Amino acid sequence: MAIGTDIKVDTKDKKILYELEKNARQPISQIAKKVNLSKETVNYRIKQLEKKNVIAGYPTSINSSALGYNLYRLFFKFQNTTPKKEEEIINYLKKIPSIARLCSLEGNWDLTVSMSAKNVFEFKRIYDKFIHKYGKHIEQKYISIATKMYHFVHNILYDIDDRSYNVSQTEENIVKIDEIDERIIKLLKKDCRIPIIDLSKKLSLSANAVKHRIQNLVKKNVITSFKIKLNDRPFGYQHYHILLTLQNIDMEKMEDLINTLISNPNVYFIIEAVGEADLEFEVHVRNSSELYALLKNLRNKFNCIKEHQTILFCRSHF
């Protein structure tokens, strides 16, 4: 469902969205208390935000590295395609279970894909199958491996000063989970607000057992957050992905650069990666002039930035 810029999101909606993004599994009654509204009002407003596609879903963020998976990130530039062929390619990718993110872009790249795999051999099997099928439509491709990711709330959209964040894809001990945990994760990834009682019925477990397992997955950092999938167009912002290529960089400069991005309210996603780009981040800005000013200030402060690419997000496919 497309979403127009004529849809308005007021202050009360923003407060509700902020609470949902902090923890989308919290009950309506808890959100109502925090935003000083009745449960009925909060429930109605959430339903309206869903109907208008401001809230496009309720995903669960999974730290795949805790389960022994690497996160591979791909960018593709198309050639010799039609809108129908591009739709075919997107639908093909959407059917691959290990793909966690799929977005259409404007700029140097047309499509970005995030995919988890146990190792490079598993990744290559999936990648080769795709390239053998659609390689003639790929003009350029870029692959990187995420080594650390910082996830922020969209605080600039909500007019709230909150720079807290979750970290994933770090080097850590592998967590062993069983088939039931895998089923819980699969269900929560589709809808993190699914009630415990519904999970209990689907899994043939008691509600307390399901609740305990979810708490354990959170405690072990397998689940990093319960979030909302947010459409940002009604807020009047554009969504960009920036690729930074660095030179003469050391640990101290890298830490300073990352901390500068962390403190910037426009930034809501930072990725340390192995690839052509050394650091990536995503921002919300009102226009290209604001983006230009942000990047100019960054380059003036850090002469280690050799070059950058700016990519405009157009549409998230899931």
Protein backbone atom coordinates (compact mmCIF):
# COMPACT_ATOMS: atom_id res chain seq x y z
CA MET A 1 0.00 0.00 0.00
CA ALA A 2 1.41 3.40 -0.99
CA ILE A 3 1.41 6.24 1.47
CA GLY A 4 0.99 9.90 0.69
CA THR A 5 2.59 12.96 2.22
CA ASP A 6 -0.88 14.40 2.91
CA ILE A 7 -1.32 12.04 5.87
CA LYS A 8 -0.80 13.95 9.10
CA VAL A 9 0.84 12.59 12.24
CA ASP A 10 0.16 14.77 15.29
CA THR A 11 1.99 15.05 18.61
CA LYS A 12 -0.11 12.37 20.30
CA ASP A 13 0.55 9.96 17.43
CA LYS A 14 4.29 10.66 17.68
CA LYS A 15 4.30 9.85 21.39
CA ILE A 16 2.54 6.55 20.72
CA LEU A 17 4.87 5.69 17.85
CA TYR A 18 7.90 6.45 20.01
CA GLU A 19 6.68 4.08 22.73
CA LEU A 20 5.96 1.37 20.17
CA GLU A 21 9.41 1.75 18.67
CA LYS A 22 11.01 1.49 22.11
CA ASN A 23 9.08 -1.71 22.82
CA ALA A 24 6.25 -2.75 20.54
CA ARG A 25 5.31 -5.68 22.81
CA GLN A 26 4.33 -3.49 25.72
CA PRO A 27 0.58 -3.57 26.40
CA ILE A 28 -1.77 -0.80 25.31
CA SER A 29 -2.46 0.01 28.97
CA GLN A 30 1.23 0.69 29.59
CA ILE A 31 1.54 2.92 26.51
CA ALA A 32 -1.63 4.78 27.52
CA LYS A 33 -0.19 5.53 30.95
CA LYS A 34 3.08 6.84 29.47
CA VAL A 35 1.40 9.12 26.91
CA ASN A 36 -1.39 10.21 29.28
CA LEU A 37 -4.24 8.98 27.12
CA SER A 38 -7.00 6.42 27.63
CA LYS A 39 -6.51 2.83 26.48
CA GLU A 40 -9.37 3.24 24.05
CA THR A 41 -7.80 6.35 22.50
CA VAL A 42 -4.39 4.72 22.14
CA ASN A 43 -5.89 1.59 20.61
CA TYR A 44 -7.94 3.67 18.14
CA ARG A 45 -4.95 5.78 17.14
CA ILE A 46 -2.78 2.70 16.58
CA LYS A 47 -5.48 1.16 14.39
CA GLN A 48 -5.66 4.38 12.37
CA LEU A 49 -1.87 4.49 11.97
CA GLU A 50 -1.98 0.89 10.72
CA LYS A 51 -4.87 1.65 8.36
CA LYS A 52 -2.99 4.63 6.90
CA ASN A 53 0.14 2.47 6.56
CA VAL A 54 2.19 4.75 8.81
CA ILE A 55 2.78 1.56 10.80
CA ALA A 56 3.50 -1.08 8.15
CA GLY A 57 4.26 -3.95 10.51
CA TYR A 58 5.74 -5.09 13.79
CA PRO A 59 9.08 -6.83 13.18
CA THR A 60 11.39 -8.29 15.78
CA SER A 61 15.08 -7.41 15.50
CA ILE A 62 17.21 -10.55 15.69
CA ASN A 63 20.92 -10.48 16.45
CA SER A 64 21.92 -13.10 13.90
CA SER A 65 25.55 -13.13 15.05
CA ALA A 66 24.40 -14.52 18.42
CA LEU A 67 23.07 -17.53 16.50
CA GLY A 68 26.29 -17.97 14.52
CA TYR A 69 25.20 -16.16 11.34
CA ASN A 70 26.98 -13.48 9.34
CA LEU A 71 24.98 -10.63 7.83
CA TYR A 72 25.77 -10.01 4.16
CA ARG A 73 24.65 -6.76 2.57
CA LEU A 74 24.30 -6.41 -1.19
CA PHE A 75 23.65 -3.48 -3.51
CA PHE A 76 22.59 -3.96 -7.12
CA LYS A 77 22.46 -1.63 -10.13
CA PHE A 78 20.08 -2.92 -12.80
CA GLN A 79 20.45 -2.97 -16.57
CA ASN A 80 18.19 -4.13 -19.42
CA THR A 81 15.14 -4.36 -17.19
CA THR A 82 11.52 -3.33 -17.27
CA PRO A 83 9.30 -2.53 -14.28
CA LYS A 84 7.81 -6.01 -14.70
CA LYS A 85 11.25 -7.68 -14.67
CA GLU A 86 12.33 -5.69 -11.60
CA GLU A 87 9.15 -6.78 -9.84
CA GLU A 88 9.98 -10.38 -10.77
CA ILE A 89 13.48 -10.02 -9.30
CA ILE A 90 12.10 -8.52 -6.08
CA ASN A 91 9.48 -11.26 -5.73
CA TYR A 92 12.19 -13.90 -6.24
CA LEU A 93 14.30 -12.38 -3.45
CA LYS A 94 11.31 -12.02 -1.11
CA LYS A 95 10.89 -15.80 -1.15
CA ILE A 96 14.41 -16.45 0.20
CA PRO A 97 13.96 -17.12 3.96
CA SER A 98 17.38 -15.80 4.96
CA ILE A 99 16.76 -12.31 3.54
CA ALA A 100 16.00 -9.84 6.31
CA ARG A 101 15.75 -6.57 4.40
CA LEU A 102 14.90 -5.64 0.81
CA CYS A 103 14.60 -2.03 -0.37
CA SER A 104 14.35 -0.17 -3.67
CA LEU A 105 16.72 2.77 -4.06
CA GLU A 106 17.53 5.79 -6.19
CA GLY A 107 21.02 6.94 -7.11
CA ASN A 108 24.04 4.75 -7.76
CA TRP A 109 22.10 1.63 -6.76
CA ASP A 110 18.61 0.31 -7.45
CA LEU A 111 18.19 -2.37 -4.80
CA THR A 112 19.70 -3.33 -1.43
CA VAL A 113 19.45 -6.74 0.21
CA SER A 114 20.46 -7.90 3.69
CA MET A 115 20.87 -11.64 4.06
CA SER A 116 22.09 -13.89 6.87
CA ALA A 117 24.17 -17.03 6.29
CA LYS A 118 26.13 -19.41 8.50
CA ASN A 119 29.28 -18.94 6.43
CA VAL A 120 30.56 -17.65 3.11
CA PHE A 121 29.84 -20.98 1.40
CA GLU A 122 26.16 -20.90 2.32
CA PHE A 123 25.99 -17.27 1.20
CA LYS A 124 27.69 -18.08 -2.11
CA ARG A 125 25.23 -20.88 -2.90
CA ILE A 126 22.29 -18.50 -2.52
CA TYR A 127 24.09 -15.65 -4.26
CA ASP A 128 25.24 -17.78 -7.21
CA LYS A 129 21.75 -19.13 -7.77
CA PHE A 130 20.41 -15.57 -7.95
CA ILE A 131 23.21 -14.34 -10.24
CA HIS A 132 22.85 -17.32 -12.60
CA LYS A 133 19.15 -16.51 -12.94
CA TYR A 134 19.27 -12.71 -13.13
CA GLY A 135 22.93 -11.80 -13.71
CA LYS A 136 22.25 -10.38 -17.18
CA HIS A 137 20.08 -7.73 -15.51
CA ILE A 138 22.79 -6.70 -13.01
CA GLU A 139 25.14 -3.97 -14.25
CA GLN A 140 26.99 -3.50 -10.96
CA LYS A 141 27.03 -5.19 -7.57
CA TYR A 142 28.56 -4.47 -4.21
CA ILE A 143 28.86 -6.86 -1.24
CA SER A 144 29.84 -6.17 2.36
CA ILE A 145 29.69 -8.03 5.66
CA ALA A 146 28.31 -6.18 8.69
CA THR A 147 30.57 -6.47 11.74
CA LYS A 148 28.67 -4.18 14.10
CA MET A 149 25.35 -2.35 13.83
CA TYR A 150 23.88 0.44 15.96
CA HIS A 151 20.09 0.79 15.93
CA PHE A 152 18.47 4.03 17.16
CA VAL A 153 14.84 5.08 17.50
CA HIS A 154 13.65 7.61 14.92
CA ASN A 155 13.84 10.35 17.53
CA ILE A 156 14.06 13.27 15.08
CA LEU A 157 10.71 12.18 13.60
CA TYR A 158 9.12 12.22 17.04
CA ASP A 159 10.74 15.48 18.26
CA ILE A 160 12.23 13.54 21.17
CA ASP A 161 15.83 13.69 22.43
CA ASP A 162 16.73 10.02 22.84
CA ARG A 163 20.06 8.73 21.56
CA SER A 164 19.88 5.32 23.21
CA TYR A 165 20.58 2.43 20.87
CA ASN A 166 20.81 -1.35 20.51
CA VAL A 167 23.91 -3.06 19.15
CA SER A 168 23.95 -6.24 17.05
CA GLN A 169 26.27 -8.23 14.77
CA THR A 170 29.09 -8.11 17.31
CA GLU A 171 31.60 -10.83 18.09
CA GLU A 172 30.10 -12.84 20.92
CA ASN A 173 29.44 -16.34 22.20
CA ILE A 174 27.09 -18.41 20.08
CA VAL A 175 23.72 -19.05 21.73
CA LYS A 176 22.28 -22.52 21.32
CA ILE A 177 18.54 -22.57 20.71
CA ASP A 178 16.13 -25.43 20.09
CA GLU A 179 13.36 -25.95 17.56
CA ILE A 180 10.76 -24.28 19.79
CA ASP A 181 12.90 -21.15 20.12
CA GLU A 182 13.31 -21.12 16.35
CA ARG A 183 9.53 -21.27 15.91
CA ILE A 184 9.05 -18.45 18.43
CA ILE A 185 11.58 -16.28 16.59
CA LYS A 186 9.91 -17.02 13.25
CA LEU A 187 6.49 -16.01 14.59
CA LEU A 188 7.78 -12.90 16.35
CA LYS A 189 9.66 -11.76 13.24
CA LYS A 190 6.32 -11.64 11.41
CA ASP A 191 4.48 -9.85 14.22
CA CYS A 192 6.16 -8.97 17.49
CA ARG A 193 2.82 -7.92 19.00
CA ILE A 194 1.29 -11.36 18.68
CA PRO A 195 -0.27 -12.12 22.11
CA ILE A 196 1.32 -14.71 24.37
CA ILE A 197 -1.92 -16.71 24.37
CA ASP A 198 -1.82 -16.97 20.55
CA LEU A 199 1.82 -18.05 20.63
CA SER A 200 0.91 -20.58 23.29
CA LYS A 201 -1.76 -22.16 21.07
CA LYS A 202 0.47 -22.23 17.99
CA LEU A 203 3.34 -23.82 19.92
CA SER A 204 1.24 -26.11 22.17
CA LEU A 205 3.02 -24.68 25.21
CA SER A 206 1.78 -22.97 28.33
CA ALA A 207 1.69 -19.18 28.30
CA ASN A 208 4.25 -19.07 31.12
CA ALA A 209 6.63 -21.32 29.18
CA VAL A 210 6.39 -19.10 26.09
CA LYS A 211 6.88 -15.95 28.15
CA HIS A 212 9.96 -17.44 29.83
CA ARG A 213 11.48 -18.45 26.49
CA ILE A 214 11.00 -14.94 25.03
CA GLN A 215 12.55 -13.37 28.13
CA ASN A 216 15.49 -15.75 27.82
CA LEU A 217 16.03 -14.86 24.13
CA VAL A 218 16.06 -11.17 25.07
CA LYS A 219 18.41 -11.76 28.01
CA LYS A 220 20.88 -13.61 25.76
CA ASN A 221 20.72 -10.79 23.16
CA VAL A 222 19.25 -13.02 20.47
CA ILE A 223 16.27 -10.67 20.35
CA THR A 224 17.51 -7.08 20.47
CA SER A 225 14.21 -5.22 20.14
CA PHE A 226 10.50 -5.40 19.35
CA LYS A 227 9.87 -2.58 16.88
CA ILE A 228 7.54 -1.06 14.35
CA LYS A 229 8.08 -0.86 10.63
CA LEU A 230 7.62 2.85 10.10
CA ASN A 231 6.79 4.74 6.92
CA ASP A 232 8.56 8.09 7.24
CA ARG A 233 6.93 10.07 4.41
CA PRO A 234 4.17 11.66 6.56
CA PHE A 235 6.89 13.22 8.73
CA GLY A 236 8.29 15.26 5.84
CA TYR A 237 11.71 13.61 5.82
CA GLN A 238 13.76 11.81 3.18
CA HIS A 239 15.65 8.63 4.00
CA TYR A 240 19.26 8.27 2.81
CA HIS A 241 21.92 5.60 3.10
CA ILE A 242 25.52 6.85 3.12
CA LEU A 243 28.60 4.78 2.25
CA LEU A 244 31.91 6.16 3.56
CA THR A 245 35.30 5.13 2.21
CA LEU A 246 38.04 6.07 4.70
CA GLN A 247 41.79 6.60 4.47
CA ASN A 248 44.59 6.92 7.05
CA ILE A 249 42.17 5.75 9.70
CA ASP A 250 43.11 4.43 13.14
CA MET A 251 41.03 3.10 16.02
CA GLU A 252 40.86 6.48 17.75
CA LYS A 253 39.67 8.32 14.63
CA MET A 254 37.12 5.60 13.88
CA GLU A 255 35.75 5.79 17.42
CA ASP A 256 35.53 9.59 17.19
CA LEU A 257 33.73 9.37 13.84
CA ILE A 258 31.23 6.82 15.15
CA ASN A 259 30.59 8.86 18.30
CA THR A 260 29.95 11.93 16.15
CA LEU A 261 27.36 9.99 14.18
CA ILE A 262 25.82 8.63 17.39
CA SER A 263 25.34 12.16 18.71
CA ASN A 264 23.68 13.37 15.47
CA PRO A 265 19.87 13.23 15.86
CA ASN A 266 19.38 12.71 12.10
CA VAL A 267 21.31 9.41 12.21
CA TYR A 268 19.36 6.32 13.21
CA PHE A 269 21.42 3.41 11.87
CA ILE A 270 25.21 2.89 11.76
CA ILE A 271 26.98 -0.10 10.22
CA GLU A 272 30.61 -1.07 10.60
CA ALA A 273 31.42 -3.36 7.73
CA VAL A 274 34.05 -5.23 5.74
CA GLY A 275 33.81 -4.15 2.11
CA GLU A 276 34.61 -1.31 -0.22
CA ALA A 277 32.96 1.12 2.22
CA ASP A 278 34.44 1.17 5.72
CA LEU A 279 31.45 2.72 7.46
CA GLU A 280 27.80 3.16 6.55
CA PHE A 281 24.94 5.06 8.12
CA GLU A 282 21.34 6.03 7.48
CA VAL A 283 19.79 9.43 8.06
CA HIS A 284 16.52 11.31 7.88
CA VAL A 285 16.79 14.81 6.40
CA ARG A 286 14.17 17.25 5.16
CA ASN A 287 15.86 17.82 1.80
CA SER A 288 19.07 17.40 -0.17
CA SER A 289 20.43 20.72 1.13
CA GLU A 290 20.22 19.45 4.69
CA LEU A 291 21.99 16.26 3.64
CA TYR A 292 24.70 18.28 1.89
CA ALA A 293 25.29 20.36 5.03
CA LEU A 294 25.48 17.24 7.21
CA LEU A 295 28.05 15.60 4.94
CA LYS A 296 30.06 18.80 4.53
CA ASN A 297 30.35 19.22 8.30
CA LEU A 298 31.37 15.59 8.62
CA ARG A 299 34.06 15.85 5.95
CA ASN A 300 35.38 19.12 7.40
CA LYS A 301 35.80 17.47 10.79
CA PHE A 302 37.23 14.19 9.50
CA ASN A 303 39.82 14.40 6.72
CA CYS A 304 40.00 10.60 6.84
CA ILE A 305 36.82 10.49 4.72
CA LYS A 306 38.14 9.80 1.23
CA GLU A 307 34.79 9.65 -0.55
CA HIS A 308 31.13 9.01 0.04
CA GLN A 309 28.08 7.74 -1.81
CA THR A 310 24.53 8.91 -1.09
CA ILE A 311 21.62 6.60 -1.81
CA LEU A 312 17.95 7.56 -1.51
CA PHE A 313 15.57 4.95 -0.11
CA CYS A 314 12.34 4.70 -2.10
CA ARG A 315 10.46 1.68 -0.83
CA SER A 316 10.88 -1.14 1.67
CA HIS A 317 9.52 -4.45 0.40
CA PHE A 318 9.47 -6.07 3.86
